[in-house]
Amino acid sequence: MVKFPAAGRVKTRLAKDIGRVAAAWWFRHQVRSLLRRLDDPRWQIWLSVAPDTALESSVWPLHFPRISQGQGDLGARMRGAFEALPKGRACLIGGDIPSVEKAHISEAFAALGRHEAVFGPATDGGFWLTGFRRTRPLPPQLFEGVRWSSAETLSDCLATLQGQSCGLVAELSDVDTARDLPKP
């Protein structure tokens, strides 16, 4: 899930610490690096893009298929992405996870062989990855009532699974503020 890297429209909490232009620049280069690192023949990378006007943008490599994030809060946009993707196992990640590697994605897909859902916990109480096997419908209340950007985000999401089995994979950090940036 990526946003067009426009200053003042992306990584707004990070921008409060380092400035709007620097935050947009960081995100653009972080996503490019992430896409190069995770491109693998074992899976197809799709870009869930916001806003819709950026669907055809050449900011991101053009060989990746794209879908719109649509409208609504993060939960509605993630649910929409799962519903728009081709059937079968699917995982969503954000573009702001500097330490994610192919092995982490492989672990998540392996967990979907044993569970209906998977989450990759983030160190701040949220998550860096969510995925579903999608052999049955997504839970009707999936991602509803979640306290986004809080220490309760992951636990709130898990509560919306309504009995679907869930595996957890490695805990990683995302970048929300300057304190979260990787150290040189």
N, C-alpha and C. Protein backbone atom coordinates (compact mmCIF):
# COMPACT_ATOMS: atom_id res chain seq x y z
N MET A 1 0.86 -1.17 0.00
CA MET A 1 0.00 0.00 0.00
C MET A 1 0.90 1.23 0.00
N VAL A 2 0.75 2.04 -1.03
CA VAL A 2 1.61 3.22 -1.18
C VAL A 2 0.77 4.46 -1.48
N LYS A 3 1.29 5.57 -1.03
CA LYS A 3 0.72 6.86 -1.39
C LYS A 3 1.69 7.57 -2.31
N PHE A 4 1.15 8.40 -3.19
CA PHE A 4 2.01 9.22 -4.02
C PHE A 4 2.84 10.11 -3.10
N PRO A 5 4.17 10.18 -3.31
CA PRO A 5 5.04 10.89 -2.37
C PRO A 5 5.04 12.41 -2.55
N ALA A 6 3.89 13.02 -2.35
CA ALA A 6 3.77 14.48 -2.43
C ALA A 6 4.03 15.09 -1.07
N ALA A 7 4.87 16.11 -1.04
CA ALA A 7 5.19 16.79 0.22
C ALA A 7 3.90 17.28 0.88
N GLY A 8 3.75 16.96 2.15
CA GLY A 8 2.58 17.35 2.91
C GLY A 8 1.42 16.38 2.82
N ARG A 9 1.52 15.36 1.95
CA ARG A 9 0.43 14.39 1.78
C ARG A 9 0.82 12.98 2.19
N VAL A 10 2.09 12.76 2.47
CA VAL A 10 2.59 11.43 2.81
C VAL A 10 3.50 11.55 4.03
N LYS A 11 3.45 10.55 4.91
CA LYS A 11 4.30 10.50 6.12
C LYS A 11 4.20 11.81 6.90
N THR A 12 2.98 12.21 7.23
CA THR A 12 2.76 13.50 7.88
C THR A 12 3.32 13.55 9.30
N ARG A 13 3.29 12.44 10.02
CA ARG A 13 3.90 12.46 11.37
C ARG A 13 5.41 12.58 11.27
N LEU A 14 6.02 11.89 10.32
CA LEU A 14 7.46 12.03 10.09
C LEU A 14 7.79 13.45 9.65
N ALA A 15 6.94 14.03 8.83
CA ALA A 15 7.16 15.39 8.33
C ALA A 15 7.21 16.42 9.46
N LYS A 16 6.49 16.18 10.54
CA LYS A 16 6.55 17.10 11.69
C LYS A 16 7.95 17.15 12.28
N ASP A 17 8.70 16.06 12.14
CA ASP A 17 10.05 15.99 12.69
C ASP A 17 11.13 16.44 11.71
N ILE A 18 10.97 16.09 10.42
CA ILE A 18 12.07 16.34 9.47
C ILE A 18 11.68 17.26 8.32
N GLY A 19 10.43 17.66 8.25
CA GLY A 19 9.96 18.52 7.18
C GLY A 19 9.22 17.74 6.11
N ARG A 20 8.30 18.43 5.43
CA ARG A 20 7.43 17.77 4.45
C ARG A 20 8.19 17.24 3.25
N VAL A 21 9.12 18.03 2.71
CA VAL A 21 9.86 17.60 1.53
C VAL A 21 10.76 16.41 1.87
N ALA A 22 11.45 16.49 3.00
CA ALA A 22 12.33 15.38 3.41
C ALA A 22 11.55 14.10 3.66
N ALA A 23 10.37 14.21 4.25
CA ALA A 23 9.55 13.02 4.52
C ALA A 23 9.07 12.39 3.20
N ALA A 24 8.66 13.21 2.25
CA ALA A 24 8.22 12.69 0.95
C ALA A 24 9.40 12.05 0.22
N TRP A 25 10.56 12.69 0.27
CA TRP A 25 11.75 12.14 -0.37
C TRP A 25 12.11 10.79 0.25
N TRP A 26 12.09 10.73 1.60
CA TRP A 26 12.42 9.48 2.29
C TRP A 26 11.45 8.37 1.84
N PHE A 27 10.16 8.66 1.83
CA PHE A 27 9.17 7.65 1.48
C PHE A 27 9.36 7.16 0.04
N ARG A 28 9.56 8.09 -0.88
CA ARG A 28 9.75 7.70 -2.28
C ARG A 28 10.93 6.74 -2.42
N HIS A 29 12.06 7.05 -1.81
CA HIS A 29 13.25 6.21 -1.93
C HIS A 29 13.12 4.92 -1.12
N GLN A 30 12.44 4.98 0.00
CA GLN A 30 12.20 3.78 0.80
C GLN A 30 11.36 2.79 0.00
N VAL A 31 10.29 3.25 -0.64
CA VAL A 31 9.43 2.35 -1.41
C VAL A 31 10.17 1.77 -2.60
N ARG A 32 10.94 2.57 -3.29
CA ARG A 32 11.72 2.05 -4.44
C ARG A 32 12.67 0.93 -3.97
N SER A 33 13.34 1.16 -2.85
CA SER A 33 14.25 0.15 -2.30
C SER A 33 13.48 -1.11 -1.90
N LEU A 34 12.36 -0.93 -1.25
CA LEU A 34 11.53 -2.05 -0.80
C LEU A 34 11.07 -2.89 -2.00
N LEU A 35 10.61 -2.23 -3.06
CA LEU A 35 10.14 -2.97 -4.24
C LEU A 35 11.27 -3.76 -4.89
N ARG A 36 12.46 -3.18 -4.96
CA ARG A 36 13.61 -3.91 -5.52
C ARG A 36 13.94 -5.12 -4.65
N ARG A 37 13.92 -4.93 -3.33
CA ARG A 37 14.28 -6.00 -2.39
C ARG A 37 13.28 -7.14 -2.41
N LEU A 38 11.99 -6.83 -2.54
CA LEU A 38 10.95 -7.86 -2.39
C LEU A 38 10.50 -8.49 -3.70
N ASP A 39 10.90 -7.94 -4.83
CA ASP A 39 10.51 -8.52 -6.11
C ASP A 39 11.06 -9.95 -6.19
N ASP A 40 10.17 -10.92 -6.43
CA ASP A 40 10.55 -12.33 -6.36
C ASP A 40 9.57 -13.14 -7.21
N PRO A 41 10.04 -14.14 -7.92
CA PRO A 41 9.12 -14.94 -8.74
C PRO A 41 8.12 -15.78 -7.93
N ARG A 42 8.31 -15.91 -6.62
CA ARG A 42 7.38 -16.70 -5.81
C ARG A 42 6.05 -16.00 -5.57
N TRP A 43 5.99 -14.69 -5.81
CA TRP A 43 4.75 -13.95 -5.61
C TRP A 43 4.68 -12.79 -6.60
N GLN A 44 3.48 -12.28 -6.76
CA GLN A 44 3.22 -11.12 -7.63
C GLN A 44 3.04 -9.91 -6.73
N ILE A 45 3.79 -8.87 -6.95
CA ILE A 45 3.61 -7.61 -6.21
C ILE A 45 2.60 -6.75 -6.96
N TRP A 46 1.59 -6.31 -6.23
CA TRP A 46 0.60 -5.35 -6.71
C TRP A 46 0.77 -4.09 -5.88
N LEU A 47 0.57 -2.94 -6.47
CA LEU A 47 0.60 -1.68 -5.73
C LEU A 47 -0.83 -1.21 -5.52
N SER A 48 -1.20 -1.03 -4.26
CA SER A 48 -2.47 -0.43 -3.91
C SER A 48 -2.17 1.05 -3.68
N VAL A 49 -2.61 1.90 -4.61
CA VAL A 49 -2.14 3.27 -4.73
C VAL A 49 -3.19 4.28 -4.30
N ALA A 50 -2.73 5.32 -3.61
CA ALA A 50 -3.56 6.48 -3.28
C ALA A 50 -2.77 7.73 -3.64
N PRO A 51 -3.42 8.75 -4.10
CA PRO A 51 -4.82 8.80 -4.53
C PRO A 51 -4.99 8.16 -5.91
N ASP A 52 -6.23 8.06 -6.35
CA ASP A 52 -6.52 7.45 -7.65
C ASP A 52 -5.79 8.15 -8.79
N THR A 53 -5.57 9.44 -8.67
CA THR A 53 -4.89 10.18 -9.74
C THR A 53 -3.45 9.72 -9.92
N ALA A 54 -2.90 8.98 -8.95
CA ALA A 54 -1.52 8.50 -9.04
C ALA A 54 -1.41 7.08 -9.59
N LEU A 55 -2.52 6.48 -9.99
CA LEU A 55 -2.49 5.10 -10.49
C LEU A 55 -1.56 4.93 -11.68
N GLU A 56 -1.48 5.89 -12.55
CA GLU A 56 -0.65 5.79 -13.75
C GLU A 56 0.69 6.50 -13.59
N SER A 57 1.01 6.95 -12.41
CA SER A 57 2.25 7.70 -12.18
C SER A 57 3.48 6.83 -12.44
N SER A 58 4.50 7.45 -12.98
CA SER A 58 5.77 6.75 -13.21
C SER A 58 6.70 6.83 -12.00
N VAL A 59 6.20 7.35 -10.89
CA VAL A 59 7.00 7.38 -9.66
C VAL A 59 7.39 5.97 -9.25
N TRP A 60 6.44 5.03 -9.38
CA TRP A 60 6.71 3.64 -9.03
C TRP A 60 6.99 2.87 -10.31
N PRO A 61 7.81 1.83 -10.25
CA PRO A 61 8.11 1.05 -11.46
C PRO A 61 6.82 0.59 -12.16
N LEU A 62 6.78 0.78 -13.45
CA LEU A 62 5.55 0.56 -14.22
C LEU A 62 5.19 -0.91 -14.41
N HIS A 63 6.11 -1.85 -14.15
CA HIS A 63 5.79 -3.26 -14.39
C HIS A 63 4.95 -3.88 -13.27
N PHE A 64 4.72 -3.15 -12.18
CA PHE A 64 3.87 -3.68 -11.12
C PHE A 64 2.41 -3.31 -11.39
N PRO A 65 1.49 -4.30 -11.40
CA PRO A 65 0.07 -3.96 -11.56
C PRO A 65 -0.39 -3.10 -10.38
N ARG A 66 -1.43 -2.30 -10.63
CA ARG A 66 -1.89 -1.35 -9.61
C ARG A 66 -3.40 -1.44 -9.43
N ILE A 67 -3.81 -1.19 -8.20
CA ILE A 67 -5.23 -1.06 -7.88
C ILE A 67 -5.37 0.20 -7.04
N SER A 68 -6.57 0.74 -7.03
CA SER A 68 -6.86 1.93 -6.23
C SER A 68 -7.06 1.55 -4.77
N GLN A 69 -6.61 2.42 -3.87
CA GLN A 69 -6.92 2.21 -2.45
C GLN A 69 -8.36 2.60 -2.15
N GLY A 70 -8.96 3.39 -3.00
CA GLY A 70 -10.34 3.79 -2.76
C GLY A 70 -10.45 4.78 -1.61
N GLN A 71 -11.64 4.84 -1.04
CA GLN A 71 -11.95 5.82 0.00
C GLN A 71 -12.09 5.14 1.36
N GLY A 72 -12.15 5.95 2.41
CA GLY A 72 -12.40 5.45 3.74
C GLY A 72 -11.15 5.40 4.59
N ASP A 73 -11.31 4.90 5.81
CA ASP A 73 -10.16 4.80 6.71
C ASP A 73 -9.26 3.66 6.24
N LEU A 74 -8.15 3.48 6.94
CA LEU A 74 -7.19 2.46 6.55
C LEU A 74 -7.84 1.08 6.47
N GLY A 75 -8.71 0.75 7.39
CA GLY A 75 -9.37 -0.54 7.38
C GLY A 75 -10.21 -0.76 6.14
N ALA A 76 -10.97 0.24 5.75
CA ALA A 76 -11.80 0.14 4.55
C ALA A 76 -10.93 -0.01 3.31
N ARG A 77 -9.82 0.71 3.27
CA ARG A 77 -8.94 0.63 2.11
C ARG A 77 -8.23 -0.72 2.03
N MET A 78 -7.84 -1.27 3.20
CA MET A 78 -7.21 -2.60 3.19
C MET A 78 -8.21 -3.67 2.78
N ARG A 79 -9.40 -3.61 3.32
CA ARG A 79 -10.43 -4.58 2.94
C ARG A 79 -10.68 -4.51 1.44
N GLY A 80 -10.77 -3.29 0.92
CA GLY A 80 -10.98 -3.10 -0.51
C GLY A 80 -9.85 -3.71 -1.34
N ALA A 81 -8.62 -3.58 -0.86
CA ALA A 81 -7.48 -4.17 -1.57
C ALA A 81 -7.61 -5.69 -1.60
N PHE A 82 -7.92 -6.29 -0.46
CA PHE A 82 -8.09 -7.75 -0.43
C PHE A 82 -9.19 -8.20 -1.40
N GLU A 83 -10.26 -7.43 -1.48
CA GLU A 83 -11.37 -7.81 -2.36
C GLU A 83 -11.05 -7.58 -3.83
N ALA A 84 -10.14 -6.65 -4.13
CA ALA A 84 -9.80 -6.33 -5.52
C ALA A 84 -8.73 -7.26 -6.10
N LEU A 85 -7.92 -7.85 -5.25
CA LEU A 85 -6.82 -8.69 -5.73
C LEU A 85 -7.34 -10.03 -6.24
N PRO A 86 -6.61 -10.67 -7.15
CA PRO A 86 -7.01 -12.00 -7.61
C PRO A 86 -7.15 -12.97 -6.42
N LYS A 87 -8.01 -13.95 -6.58
CA LYS A 87 -8.27 -14.93 -5.51
C LYS A 87 -7.00 -15.64 -5.08
N GLY A 88 -7.00 -16.14 -3.84
CA GLY A 88 -5.86 -16.86 -3.30
C GLY A 88 -5.20 -16.08 -2.18
N ARG A 89 -4.14 -16.63 -1.66
CA ARG A 89 -3.41 -16.00 -0.56
C ARG A 89 -2.91 -14.61 -0.97
N ALA A 90 -3.07 -13.67 -0.04
CA ALA A 90 -2.61 -12.30 -0.31
C ALA A 90 -2.16 -11.67 1.00
N CYS A 91 -1.10 -10.90 0.92
CA CYS A 91 -0.58 -10.14 2.06
C CYS A 91 -0.46 -8.68 1.66
N LEU A 92 -0.73 -7.81 2.61
CA LEU A 92 -0.57 -6.37 2.42
C LEU A 92 0.51 -5.87 3.36
N ILE A 93 1.36 -5.00 2.86
CA ILE A 93 2.32 -4.31 3.71
C ILE A 93 2.31 -2.84 3.31
N GLY A 94 2.80 -2.01 4.20
CA GLY A 94 2.99 -0.61 3.89
C GLY A 94 4.36 -0.41 3.27
N GLY A 95 4.59 0.77 2.78
CA GLY A 95 5.87 1.07 2.15
C GLY A 95 6.92 1.58 3.11
N ASP A 96 6.60 1.63 4.40
CA ASP A 96 7.50 2.27 5.36
C ASP A 96 8.13 1.30 6.37
N ILE A 97 8.49 0.10 5.89
CA ILE A 97 9.11 -0.91 6.74
C ILE A 97 10.52 -1.19 6.21
N PRO A 98 11.53 -0.45 6.68
CA PRO A 98 12.88 -0.57 6.12
C PRO A 98 13.52 -1.94 6.27
N SER A 99 13.16 -2.70 7.29
CA SER A 99 13.87 -3.96 7.55
C SER A 99 13.20 -5.19 6.95
N VAL A 100 12.09 -5.03 6.23
CA VAL A 100 11.41 -6.21 5.67
C VAL A 100 12.26 -6.79 4.54
N GLU A 101 12.34 -8.12 4.53
CA GLU A 101 13.10 -8.86 3.53
C GLU A 101 12.21 -9.95 2.93
N LYS A 102 12.68 -10.57 1.87
CA LYS A 102 11.93 -11.66 1.23
C LYS A 102 11.60 -12.77 2.22
N ALA A 103 12.51 -13.07 3.13
CA ALA A 103 12.26 -14.15 4.11
C ALA A 103 11.03 -13.85 4.97
N HIS A 104 10.80 -12.57 5.29
CA HIS A 104 9.62 -12.21 6.08
C HIS A 104 8.34 -12.46 5.30
N ILE A 105 8.35 -12.12 4.02
CA ILE A 105 7.17 -12.33 3.18
C ILE A 105 6.93 -13.82 2.99
N SER A 106 7.98 -14.57 2.77
CA SER A 106 7.86 -16.02 2.63
C SER A 106 7.28 -16.65 3.90
N GLU A 107 7.73 -16.18 5.06
CA GLU A 107 7.20 -16.66 6.34
C GLU A 107 5.70 -16.39 6.44
N ALA A 108 5.26 -15.22 5.99
CA ALA A 108 3.84 -14.88 6.06
C ALA A 108 3.01 -15.79 5.15
N PHE A 109 3.48 -16.02 3.93
CA PHE A 109 2.74 -16.91 3.05
C PHE A 109 2.72 -18.34 3.58
N ALA A 110 3.81 -18.77 4.21
CA ALA A 110 3.83 -20.11 4.83
C ALA A 110 2.80 -20.18 5.96
N ALA A 111 2.68 -19.12 6.75
CA ALA A 111 1.70 -19.10 7.84
C ALA A 111 0.28 -19.22 7.29
N LEU A 112 0.05 -18.69 6.09
CA LEU A 112 -1.29 -18.81 5.48
C LEU A 112 -1.58 -20.23 5.01
N GLY A 113 -0.59 -21.09 5.01
CA GLY A 113 -0.82 -22.51 4.75
C GLY A 113 -1.41 -23.20 5.97
N ARG A 114 -1.22 -22.60 7.15
CA ARG A 114 -1.70 -23.18 8.41
C ARG A 114 -2.84 -22.39 9.04
N HIS A 115 -3.01 -21.14 8.63
CA HIS A 115 -4.01 -20.25 9.24
C HIS A 115 -4.79 -19.52 8.15
N GLU A 116 -5.94 -19.00 8.54
CA GLU A 116 -6.75 -18.23 7.60
C GLU A 116 -6.28 -16.79 7.50
N ALA A 117 -5.59 -16.30 8.54
CA ALA A 117 -5.10 -14.92 8.56
C ALA A 117 -3.70 -14.90 9.14
N VAL A 118 -2.97 -13.85 8.84
CA VAL A 118 -1.63 -13.66 9.39
C VAL A 118 -1.42 -12.17 9.64
N PHE A 119 -0.70 -11.87 10.70
CA PHE A 119 -0.30 -10.49 11.00
C PHE A 119 1.18 -10.48 11.35
N GLY A 120 1.85 -9.44 10.95
CA GLY A 120 3.21 -9.17 11.36
C GLY A 120 3.17 -8.02 12.34
N PRO A 121 3.34 -8.29 13.63
CA PRO A 121 3.26 -7.21 14.63
C PRO A 121 4.34 -6.15 14.41
N ALA A 122 4.01 -4.92 14.71
CA ALA A 122 4.98 -3.83 14.71
C ALA A 122 5.34 -3.51 16.16
N THR A 123 6.50 -2.96 16.35
CA THR A 123 6.98 -2.68 17.71
C THR A 123 6.15 -1.62 18.43
N ASP A 124 5.34 -0.85 17.71
CA ASP A 124 4.55 0.22 18.32
C ASP A 124 3.12 -0.20 18.68
N GLY A 125 2.81 -1.50 18.54
CA GLY A 125 1.46 -1.98 18.85
C GLY A 125 0.58 -2.13 17.63
N GLY A 126 1.07 -1.72 16.49
CA GLY A 126 0.33 -1.90 15.24
C GLY A 126 0.81 -3.15 14.52
N PHE A 127 0.82 -3.10 13.21
CA PHE A 127 1.29 -4.23 12.43
C PHE A 127 1.90 -3.71 11.14
N TRP A 128 2.84 -4.48 10.62
CA TRP A 128 3.48 -4.10 9.35
C TRP A 128 2.96 -4.94 8.19
N LEU A 129 2.29 -6.05 8.48
CA LEU A 129 1.77 -6.96 7.46
C LEU A 129 0.46 -7.56 7.95
N THR A 130 -0.46 -7.73 7.03
CA THR A 130 -1.64 -8.53 7.27
C THR A 130 -1.92 -9.33 6.02
N GLY A 131 -2.42 -10.54 6.20
CA GLY A 131 -2.71 -11.38 5.05
C GLY A 131 -3.86 -12.33 5.33
N PHE A 132 -4.47 -12.81 4.26
CA PHE A 132 -5.58 -13.76 4.36
C PHE A 132 -5.45 -14.83 3.29
N ARG A 133 -5.83 -16.04 3.67
CA ARG A 133 -5.84 -17.16 2.73
C ARG A 133 -6.92 -16.95 1.68
N ARG A 134 -8.05 -16.41 2.10
CA ARG A 134 -9.18 -16.04 1.23
C ARG A 134 -9.83 -17.24 0.55
N THR A 135 -9.93 -18.34 1.29
CA THR A 135 -10.71 -19.47 0.78
C THR A 135 -12.15 -19.39 1.28
N ARG A 136 -12.41 -18.47 2.18
CA ARG A 136 -13.76 -18.18 2.65
C ARG A 136 -13.89 -16.66 2.72
N PRO A 137 -15.09 -16.13 2.83
CA PRO A 137 -15.25 -14.67 2.84
C PRO A 137 -14.50 -14.03 4.02
N LEU A 138 -14.06 -12.81 3.81
CA LEU A 138 -13.46 -12.05 4.90
C LEU A 138 -14.51 -11.82 5.97
N PRO A 139 -14.11 -11.74 7.24
CA PRO A 139 -15.09 -11.47 8.30
C PRO A 139 -15.85 -10.17 8.03
N PRO A 140 -17.17 -10.16 8.25
CA PRO A 140 -17.98 -8.97 7.94
C PRO A 140 -17.50 -7.69 8.64
N GLN A 141 -17.03 -7.80 9.87
CA GLN A 141 -16.59 -6.62 10.61
C GLN A 141 -15.07 -6.41 10.57
N LEU A 142 -14.40 -7.03 9.62
CA LEU A 142 -12.95 -6.92 9.52
C LEU A 142 -12.52 -5.45 9.50
N PHE A 143 -11.60 -5.11 10.39
CA PHE A 143 -10.98 -3.79 10.51
C PHE A 143 -11.96 -2.69 10.95
N GLU A 144 -13.14 -3.04 11.43
CA GLU A 144 -14.08 -2.02 11.91
C GLU A 144 -13.83 -1.73 13.39
N GLY A 145 -13.94 -0.48 13.77
CA GLY A 145 -13.78 -0.07 15.16
C GLY A 145 -12.34 -0.12 15.65
N VAL A 146 -11.38 -0.13 14.75
CA VAL A 146 -9.96 -0.22 15.12
C VAL A 146 -9.44 1.16 15.49
N ARG A 147 -8.68 1.22 16.57
CA ARG A 147 -8.02 2.47 16.98
C ARG A 147 -6.69 2.53 16.22
N TRP A 148 -6.72 3.18 15.05
CA TRP A 148 -5.55 3.24 14.20
C TRP A 148 -4.47 4.12 14.82
N SER A 149 -3.23 3.80 14.50
CA SER A 149 -2.05 4.56 14.99
C SER A 149 -2.01 4.61 16.51
N SER A 150 -2.31 3.49 17.14
CA SER A 150 -2.28 3.42 18.60
C SER A 150 -1.62 2.11 19.04
N ALA A 151 -1.35 2.00 20.31
CA ALA A 151 -0.78 0.77 20.85
C ALA A 151 -1.78 -0.39 20.81
N GLU A 152 -3.04 -0.10 20.54
CA GLU A 152 -4.10 -1.12 20.51
C GLU A 152 -4.46 -1.57 19.10
N THR A 153 -3.80 -1.03 18.09
CA THR A 153 -4.20 -1.31 16.71
C THR A 153 -4.21 -2.81 16.40
N LEU A 154 -3.13 -3.51 16.69
CA LEU A 154 -3.08 -4.95 16.38
C LEU A 154 -4.14 -5.71 17.16
N SER A 155 -4.26 -5.47 18.45
CA SER A 155 -5.25 -6.21 19.24
C SER A 155 -6.67 -5.92 18.75
N ASP A 156 -6.94 -4.68 18.35
CA ASP A 156 -8.26 -4.35 17.81
C ASP A 156 -8.52 -5.11 16.51
N CYS A 157 -7.50 -5.20 15.64
CA CYS A 157 -7.66 -5.94 14.37
C CYS A 157 -7.89 -7.42 14.63
N LEU A 158 -7.13 -7.99 15.55
CA LEU A 158 -7.31 -9.41 15.86
C LEU A 158 -8.72 -9.69 16.35
N ALA A 159 -9.31 -8.75 17.08
CA ALA A 159 -10.66 -8.92 17.60
C ALA A 159 -11.71 -8.92 16.48
N THR A 160 -11.37 -8.39 15.30
CA THR A 160 -12.34 -8.37 14.20
C THR A 160 -12.30 -9.62 13.34
N LEU A 161 -11.43 -10.57 13.66
CA LEU A 161 -11.30 -11.78 12.84
C LEU A 161 -12.44 -12.77 13.02
N GLN A 162 -13.22 -12.63 14.07
CA GLN A 162 -14.42 -13.44 14.29
C GLN A 162 -14.18 -14.93 14.13
N GLY A 163 -13.18 -15.43 14.85
CA GLY A 163 -12.94 -16.87 14.90
C GLY A 163 -12.04 -17.43 13.82
N GLN A 164 -11.61 -16.63 12.86
CA GLN A 164 -10.67 -17.15 11.87
C GLN A 164 -9.33 -17.36 12.54
N SER A 165 -8.68 -18.48 12.24
CA SER A 165 -7.38 -18.76 12.84
C SER A 165 -6.36 -17.76 12.31
N CYS A 166 -5.42 -17.38 13.19
CA CYS A 166 -4.46 -16.35 12.82
C CYS A 166 -3.07 -16.71 13.31
N GLY A 167 -2.10 -16.58 12.42
CA GLY A 167 -0.71 -16.75 12.79
C GLY A 167 -0.03 -15.39 12.89
N LEU A 168 1.01 -15.34 13.71
CA LEU A 168 1.82 -14.13 13.82
C LEU A 168 3.21 -14.44 13.31
N VAL A 169 3.80 -13.49 12.59
CA VAL A 169 5.16 -13.64 12.08
C VAL A 169 6.05 -12.62 12.78
N ALA A 170 7.25 -12.46 12.30
CA ALA A 170 8.26 -11.61 12.95
C ALA A 170 7.76 -10.20 13.23
N GLU A 171 8.19 -9.68 14.36
CA GLU A 171 7.89 -8.29 14.72
C GLU A 171 8.93 -7.38 14.07
N LEU A 172 8.46 -6.35 13.35
CA LEU A 172 9.33 -5.38 12.71
C LEU A 172 8.88 -3.97 13.09
N SER A 173 9.67 -3.01 12.71
CA SER A 173 9.34 -1.60 12.98
C SER A 173 8.98 -0.90 11.69
N ASP A 174 7.97 -0.03 11.78
CA ASP A 174 7.67 0.86 10.66
C ASP A 174 8.20 2.24 11.04
N VAL A 175 8.11 3.17 10.12
CA VAL A 175 8.62 4.52 10.36
C VAL A 175 7.44 5.48 10.44
N ASP A 176 7.23 6.01 11.63
CA ASP A 176 6.19 7.02 11.84
C ASP A 176 6.79 8.38 12.18
N THR A 177 7.90 8.37 12.91
CA THR A 177 8.55 9.61 13.34
C THR A 177 10.05 9.51 13.07
N ALA A 178 10.76 10.60 13.26
CA ALA A 178 12.21 10.60 13.04
C ALA A 178 12.92 9.60 13.94
N ARG A 179 12.39 9.36 15.11
CA ARG A 179 12.98 8.39 16.04
C ARG A 179 12.99 6.98 15.45
N ASP A 180 12.05 6.70 14.52
CA ASP A 180 11.93 5.37 13.92
C ASP A 180 12.84 5.16 12.72
N LEU A 181 13.45 6.23 12.22
CA LEU A 181 14.31 6.10 11.03
C LEU A 181 15.50 5.20 11.32
N PRO A 182 15.89 4.39 10.34
CA PRO A 182 17.08 3.53 10.53
C PRO A 182 18.31 4.39 10.81
N LYS A 183 19.15 3.89 11.69
CA LYS A 183 20.39 4.59 12.00
C LYS A 183 21.43 4.28 10.94
N PRO A 184 22.19 5.31 10.47
CA PRO A 184 23.21 5.06 9.44
C PRO A 184 24.33 4.19 9.92
